[in-house]
Amino acid sequence: MSIDLSKMSKDELVALQKDVAAAIKDFDKRKKKEALIAAQKAVQEFGFSLEEVLGGRNAGAKVAPRYRNPSNPDQTWTGRGRKPLWVVDALNSGKSLDDLAI
């Protein structure tokens, strides 16, 4: 399939770019699913589940929050990653992480 890009308008090129990005994302999603199925079959041949082989690790598992915003209890932070603004503000105002601990 050959497309003459030089004859396309900018809007057509942008639409094509979006379509290509979506197609790549869909392709990667399908390939990951195929890889997961192949990995599951491979470990089953040895009498294990994928979870057993990977040590029961659940990628993306939720981590319990360790800190809570005293002025808004709905705002919590696990202590991982970038500090939320409310944590930065509290630390700048003289509080410590111990003051915010749950």
C-alpha atoms as a PDB file:
ATOM      1  CA  MET A   1       0.000   0.000   0.000  1.00  0.00           C
ATOM      2  CA  SER A   2       1.494   3.284  -1.075  1.00  0.00           C
ATOM      3  CA  ILE A   3       0.040   6.675  -0.212  1.00  0.00           C
ATOM      4  CA  ASP A   4       1.222   9.857  -1.889  1.00  0.00           C
ATOM      5  CA  LEU A   5       1.586  12.055   1.178  1.00  0.00           C
ATOM      6  CA  SER A   6       2.562  15.088  -0.878  1.00  0.00           C
ATOM      7  CA  LYS A   7      -0.980  15.321  -2.288  1.00  0.00           C
ATOM      8  CA  MET A   8      -2.662  15.283   1.131  1.00  0.00           C
ATOM      9  CA  SER A   9      -3.822  18.358   3.016  1.00  0.00           C
ATOM     10  CA  LYS A  10      -2.543  19.086   6.510  1.00  0.00           C
ATOM     11  CA  ASP A  11      -5.897  17.991   8.002  1.00  0.00           C
ATOM     12  CA  GLU A  12      -5.697  14.712   6.099  1.00  0.00           C
ATOM     13  CA  LEU A  13      -2.113  14.172   7.271  1.00  0.00           C
ATOM     14  CA  VAL A  14      -3.064  14.864  10.906  1.00  0.00           C
ATOM     15  CA  ALA A  15      -6.003  12.446  10.631  1.00  0.00           C
ATOM     16  CA  LEU A  16      -3.705   9.830   9.092  1.00  0.00           C
ATOM     17  CA  GLN A  17      -1.189  10.368  11.888  1.00  0.00           C
ATOM     18  CA  LYS A  18      -3.909   9.786  14.512  1.00  0.00           C
ATOM     19  CA  ASP A  19      -5.112   6.666  12.688  1.00  0.00           C
ATOM     20  CA  VAL A  20      -1.560   5.300  12.538  1.00  0.00           C
ATOM     21  CA  ALA A  21      -0.978   5.984  16.247  1.00  0.00           C
ATOM     22  CA  ALA A  22      -4.244   4.207  17.124  1.00  0.00           C
ATOM     23  CA  ALA A  23      -3.339   1.260  14.865  1.00  0.00           C
ATOM     24  CA  ILE A  24       0.090   0.941  16.515  1.00  0.00           C
ATOM     25  CA  LYS A  25      -1.467   1.033  19.982  1.00  0.00           C
ATOM     26  CA  ASP A  26      -4.004  -1.632  18.972  1.00  0.00           C
ATOM     27  CA  PHE A  27      -1.241  -3.764  17.432  1.00  0.00           C
ATOM     28  CA  ASP A  28       0.835  -3.580  20.628  1.00  0.00           C
ATOM     29  CA  LYS A  29      -2.221  -4.474  22.727  1.00  0.00           C
ATOM     30  CA  ARG A  30      -2.917  -7.557  20.581  1.00  0.00           C
ATOM     31  CA  LYS A  31       0.725  -8.654  20.682  1.00  0.00           C
ATOM     32  CA  LYS A  32       0.888  -8.280  24.479  1.00  0.00           C
ATOM     33  CA  LYS A  33      -2.249 -10.397  24.814  1.00  0.00           C
ATOM     34  CA  GLU A  34      -0.730 -13.054  22.544  1.00  0.00           C
ATOM     35  CA  ALA A  35       2.494 -12.984  24.581  1.00  0.00           C
ATOM     36  CA  LEU A  36       0.562 -13.383  27.832  1.00  0.00           C
ATOM     37  CA  ILE A  37      -1.324 -16.392  26.461  1.00  0.00           C
ATOM     38  CA  ALA A  38       1.929 -17.939  25.208  1.00  0.00           C
ATOM     39  CA  ALA A  39       3.599 -17.359  28.591  1.00  0.00           C
ATOM     40  CA  GLN A  40       0.655 -18.927  30.424  1.00  0.00           C
ATOM     41  CA  LYS A  41       0.781 -21.992  28.176  1.00  0.00           C
ATOM     42  CA  ALA A  42       4.546 -22.296  28.637  1.00  0.00           C
ATOM     43  CA  VAL A  43       4.416 -22.307  32.446  1.00  0.00           C
ATOM     44  CA  GLN A  44       1.420 -24.668  32.439  1.00  0.00           C
ATOM     45  CA  GLU A  45       3.611 -27.216  30.616  1.00  0.00           C
ATOM     46  CA  PHE A  46       5.766 -27.254  33.750  1.00  0.00           C
ATOM     47  CA  GLY A  47       2.762 -27.476  36.074  1.00  0.00           C
ATOM     48  CA  PHE A  48       2.777 -23.891  37.322  1.00  0.00           C
ATOM     49  CA  SER A  49       0.649 -20.819  36.940  1.00  0.00           C
ATOM     50  CA  LEU A  50       2.102 -17.555  35.686  1.00  0.00           C
ATOM     51  CA  GLU A  51       1.485 -16.003  39.124  1.00  0.00           C
ATOM     52  CA  GLU A  52       3.503 -18.760  40.806  1.00  0.00           C
ATOM     53  CA  VAL A  53       6.437 -18.290  38.449  1.00  0.00           C
ATOM     54  CA  LEU A  54       6.407 -14.534  38.838  1.00  0.00           C
ATOM     55  CA  GLY A  55       6.310 -14.819  42.614  1.00  0.00           C
ATOM     56  CA  GLY A  56       2.683 -13.797  42.967  1.00  0.00           C
ATOM     57  CA  ARG A  57       3.576 -10.240  42.062  1.00  0.00           C
ATOM     58  CA  ASN A  58       0.632  -8.296  40.795  1.00  0.00           C
ATOM     59  CA  ALA A  59       1.888  -5.478  38.582  1.00  0.00           C
ATOM     60  CA  GLY A  60      -0.017  -2.306  39.265  1.00  0.00           C
ATOM     61  CA  ALA A  61      -1.292  -3.473  42.631  1.00  0.00           C
ATOM     62  CA  LYS A  62      -2.645  -0.712  44.801  1.00  0.00           C
ATOM     63  CA  VAL A  63      -0.448   0.437  47.651  1.00  0.00           C
ATOM     64  CA  ALA A  64      -2.039   1.572  50.886  1.00  0.00           C
ATOM     65  CA  PRO A  65      -1.762   5.304  51.508  1.00  0.00           C
ATOM     66  CA  ARG A  66       0.673   6.359  54.242  1.00  0.00           C
ATOM     67  CA  TYR A  67      -0.123  10.081  54.427  1.00  0.00           C
ATOM     68  CA  ARG A  68      -3.358  12.077  54.613  1.00  0.00           C
ATOM     69  CA  ASN A  69      -4.048  15.769  54.086  1.00  0.00           C
ATOM     70  CA  PRO A  70      -5.279  17.068  57.472  1.00  0.00           C
ATOM     71  CA  SER A  71      -7.404  19.758  55.811  1.00  0.00           C
ATOM     72  CA  ASN A  72      -8.941  17.352  53.254  1.00  0.00           C
ATOM     73  CA  PRO A  73      -9.041  13.699  54.400  1.00  0.00           C
ATOM     74  CA  ASP A  74      -9.980  12.580  50.878  1.00  0.00           C
ATOM     75  CA  GLN A  75      -6.463  13.444  49.716  1.00  0.00           C
ATOM     76  CA  THR A  76      -3.943  10.716  50.454  1.00  0.00           C
ATOM     77  CA  TRP A  77      -0.467   9.777  49.265  1.00  0.00           C
ATOM     78  CA  THR A  78       1.348   6.433  49.337  1.00  0.00           C
ATOM     79  CA  GLY A  79       4.757   8.021  49.804  1.00  0.00           C
ATOM     80  CA  ARG A  80       5.792   6.852  46.349  1.00  0.00           C
ATOM     81  CA  GLY A  81       6.393   8.992  43.334  1.00  0.00           C
ATOM     82  CA  ARG A  82       6.105  12.736  43.116  1.00  0.00           C
ATOM     83  CA  LYS A  83       4.841  14.526  46.208  1.00  0.00           C
ATOM     84  CA  PRO A  84       1.357  16.005  45.804  1.00  0.00           C
ATOM     85  CA  LEU A  85       1.118  19.777  46.149  1.00  0.00           C
ATOM     86  CA  TRP A  86      -0.651  19.495  49.508  1.00  0.00           C
ATOM     87  CA  VAL A  87       2.366  17.545  50.857  1.00  0.00           C
ATOM     88  CA  VAL A  88       4.808  20.103  49.470  1.00  0.00           C
ATOM     89  CA  ASP A  89       2.747  22.941  50.968  1.00  0.00           C
ATOM     90  CA  ALA A  90       2.609  21.205  54.368  1.00  0.00           C
ATOM     91  CA  LEU A  91       6.371  20.587  54.367  1.00  0.00           C
ATOM     92  CA  ASN A  92       7.035  24.205  53.367  1.00  0.00           C
ATOM     93  CA  SER A  93       4.835  25.404  56.225  1.00  0.00           C
ATOM     94  CA  GLY A  94       7.012  23.565  58.754  1.00  0.00           C
ATOM     95  CA  LYS A  95       5.187  20.246  59.095  1.00  0.00           C
ATOM     96  CA  SER A  96       6.967  16.928  58.741  1.00  0.00           C
ATOM     97  CA  LEU A  97       5.857  13.761  57.006  1.00  0.00           C
ATOM     98  CA  ASP A  98       5.265  12.303  60.485  1.00  0.00           C
ATOM     99  CA  ASP A  99       2.606  14.994  61.007  1.00  0.00           C
ATOM    100  CA  LEU A 100       0.801  13.749  57.878  1.00  0.00           C
ATOM    101  CA  ALA A 101       1.162  10.027  58.590  1.00  0.00           C
ATOM    102  CA  ILE A 102      -1.998   7.968  58.812  1.00  0.00           C
END
